[in-house]
């Protein structure tokens, strides 16, 4: 497998989590928010972002899309650095 992004992973980050669960990312996030809302979900440029912050931001993004007319089932592409 050609995976050039792996060379940018921190040394303690696994290359795979093994078998992926039969759940959506939203399901997994909501479960984690219930258990450990203050847990660190992301570290971006030194800033630690909690699971609860990611949940709030994803809800805000979903509401913004809805205000723009995006409906359930519509496809949306995100272009990220």
C-alpha atoms as a PDB file:
ATOM      1  CA  UNK A   1       0.000   0.000   0.000  1.00  0.00           C
ATOM      2  CA  UNK A   2       1.311   3.434  -0.917  1.00  0.00           C
ATOM      3  CA  UNK A   3       0.470   5.647   2.081  1.00  0.00           C
ATOM      4  CA  UNK A   4       2.839   8.634   2.095  1.00  0.00           C
ATOM      5  CA  UNK A   5       0.851  10.384   4.854  1.00  0.00           C
ATOM      6  CA  UNK A   6       2.021   7.772   7.371  1.00  0.00           C
ATOM      7  CA  UNK A   7       5.480   9.340   7.480  1.00  0.00           C
ATOM      8  CA  UNK A   8       3.860  12.413   9.076  1.00  0.00           C
ATOM      9  CA  UNK A   9       2.201  10.476  11.935  1.00  0.00           C
ATOM     10  CA  UNK A  10       3.595  11.005  15.423  1.00  0.00           C
ATOM     11  CA  UNK A  11       5.630   7.986  16.605  1.00  0.00           C
ATOM     12  CA  UNK A  12       2.962   6.825  19.089  1.00  0.00           C
ATOM     13  CA  UNK A  13       0.092   6.870  16.563  1.00  0.00           C
ATOM     14  CA  UNK A  14      -0.835   3.416  15.231  1.00  0.00           C
ATOM     15  CA  UNK A  15      -0.930   2.949  11.458  1.00  0.00           C
ATOM     16  CA  UNK A  16      -4.278   1.153  11.720  1.00  0.00           C
ATOM     17  CA  UNK A  17      -6.896   0.493  14.386  1.00  0.00           C
ATOM     18  CA  UNK A  18      -7.459  -2.990  13.023  1.00  0.00           C
ATOM     19  CA  UNK A  19     -10.997  -4.071  12.215  1.00  0.00           C
ATOM     20  CA  UNK A  20     -13.304  -1.114  11.796  1.00  0.00           C
ATOM     21  CA  UNK A  21     -16.640  -1.175  13.670  1.00  0.00           C
ATOM     22  CA  UNK A  22     -20.024  -1.286  11.935  1.00  0.00           C
ATOM     23  CA  UNK A  23     -20.837   2.250  13.101  1.00  0.00           C
ATOM     24  CA  UNK A  24     -20.688   5.684  11.574  1.00  0.00           C
ATOM     25  CA  UNK A  25     -18.158   8.248  12.715  1.00  0.00           C
ATOM     26  CA  UNK A  26     -21.061  10.217  14.211  1.00  0.00           C
ATOM     27  CA  UNK A  27     -22.101   7.165  16.280  1.00  0.00           C
ATOM     28  CA  UNK A  28     -18.570   6.720  17.575  1.00  0.00           C
ATOM     29  CA  UNK A  29     -18.195  10.415  18.397  1.00  0.00           C
ATOM     30  CA  UNK A  30     -21.508  10.573  20.288  1.00  0.00           C
ATOM     31  CA  UNK A  31     -20.599   7.491  22.331  1.00  0.00           C
ATOM     32  CA  UNK A  32     -17.264   9.037  23.241  1.00  0.00           C
ATOM     33  CA  UNK A  33     -18.881  12.364  24.190  1.00  0.00           C
ATOM     34  CA  UNK A  34     -21.133  10.493  26.639  1.00  0.00           C
ATOM     35  CA  UNK A  35     -18.158   8.701  28.221  1.00  0.00           C
ATOM     36  CA  UNK A  36     -15.367  11.285  28.159  1.00  0.00           C
ATOM     37  CA  UNK A  37     -16.366  14.721  26.821  1.00  0.00           C
ATOM     38  CA  UNK A  38     -13.082  16.320  27.885  1.00  0.00           C
ATOM     39  CA  UNK A  39     -10.912  13.663  26.205  1.00  0.00           C
ATOM     40  CA  UNK A  40      -8.580  14.991  23.529  1.00  0.00           C
ATOM     41  CA  UNK A  41      -9.905  14.126  20.080  1.00  0.00           C
ATOM     42  CA  UNK A  42      -7.514  16.157  17.922  1.00  0.00           C
ATOM     43  CA  UNK A  43      -4.249  17.993  18.237  1.00  0.00           C
ATOM     44  CA  UNK A  44      -3.785  20.587  15.524  1.00  0.00           C
ATOM     45  CA  UNK A  45      -0.731  22.824  15.508  1.00  0.00           C
ATOM     46  CA  UNK A  46      -0.318  22.269  19.232  1.00  0.00           C
ATOM     47  CA  UNK A  47      -3.953  23.018  20.160  1.00  0.00           C
ATOM     48  CA  UNK A  48      -5.777  20.193  21.887  1.00  0.00           C
ATOM     49  CA  UNK A  49      -9.438  19.891  20.862  1.00  0.00           C
ATOM     50  CA  UNK A  50     -11.795  17.891  23.065  1.00  0.00           C
ATOM     51  CA  UNK A  51     -14.314  15.314  21.951  1.00  0.00           C
ATOM     52  CA  UNK A  52     -17.114  17.660  23.075  1.00  0.00           C
ATOM     53  CA  UNK A  53     -15.673  20.530  20.991  1.00  0.00           C
ATOM     54  CA  UNK A  54     -15.551  18.315  17.893  1.00  0.00           C
ATOM     55  CA  UNK A  55     -19.161  17.276  18.526  1.00  0.00           C
ATOM     56  CA  UNK A  56     -20.325  20.901  18.854  1.00  0.00           C
ATOM     57  CA  UNK A  57     -18.381  21.960  15.762  1.00  0.00           C
ATOM     58  CA  UNK A  58     -19.759  19.080  13.686  1.00  0.00           C
ATOM     59  CA  UNK A  59     -23.314  19.963  14.759  1.00  0.00           C
ATOM     60  CA  UNK A  60     -22.695  23.603  13.827  1.00  0.00           C
ATOM     61  CA  UNK A  61     -21.374  22.532  10.422  1.00  0.00           C
ATOM     62  CA  UNK A  62     -24.436  20.318   9.843  1.00  0.00           C
ATOM     63  CA  UNK A  63     -26.764  23.202  10.726  1.00  0.00           C
ATOM     64  CA  UNK A  64     -24.853  25.512   8.383  1.00  0.00           C
ATOM     65  CA  UNK A  65     -25.220  23.020   5.549  1.00  0.00           C
ATOM     66  CA  UNK A  66     -28.957  22.746   6.267  1.00  0.00           C
ATOM     67  CA  UNK A  67     -29.308  26.542   6.124  1.00  0.00           C
ATOM     68  CA  UNK A  68     -27.616  26.413   2.717  1.00  0.00           C
ATOM     69  CA  UNK A  69     -30.192  23.884   1.500  1.00  0.00           C
ATOM     70  CA  UNK A  70     -28.157  20.707   1.825  1.00  0.00           C
ATOM     71  CA  UNK A  71     -30.501  17.824   2.626  1.00  0.00           C
ATOM     72  CA  UNK A  72     -30.059  14.332   4.054  1.00  0.00           C
ATOM     73  CA  UNK A  73     -28.510  12.171   1.342  1.00  0.00           C
ATOM     74  CA  UNK A  74     -26.889  15.064  -0.548  1.00  0.00           C
ATOM     75  CA  UNK A  75     -23.205  14.658  -1.216  1.00  0.00           C
ATOM     76  CA  UNK A  76     -20.800  17.218   0.175  1.00  0.00           C
ATOM     77  CA  UNK A  77     -17.076  17.349  -0.512  1.00  0.00           C
ATOM     78  CA  UNK A  78     -14.664  18.861   1.972  1.00  0.00           C
ATOM     79  CA  UNK A  79     -11.291  19.989   0.700  1.00  0.00           C
ATOM     80  CA  UNK A  80      -8.839  20.112   3.584  1.00  0.00           C
ATOM     81  CA  UNK A  81      -5.104  20.782   3.799  1.00  0.00           C
END
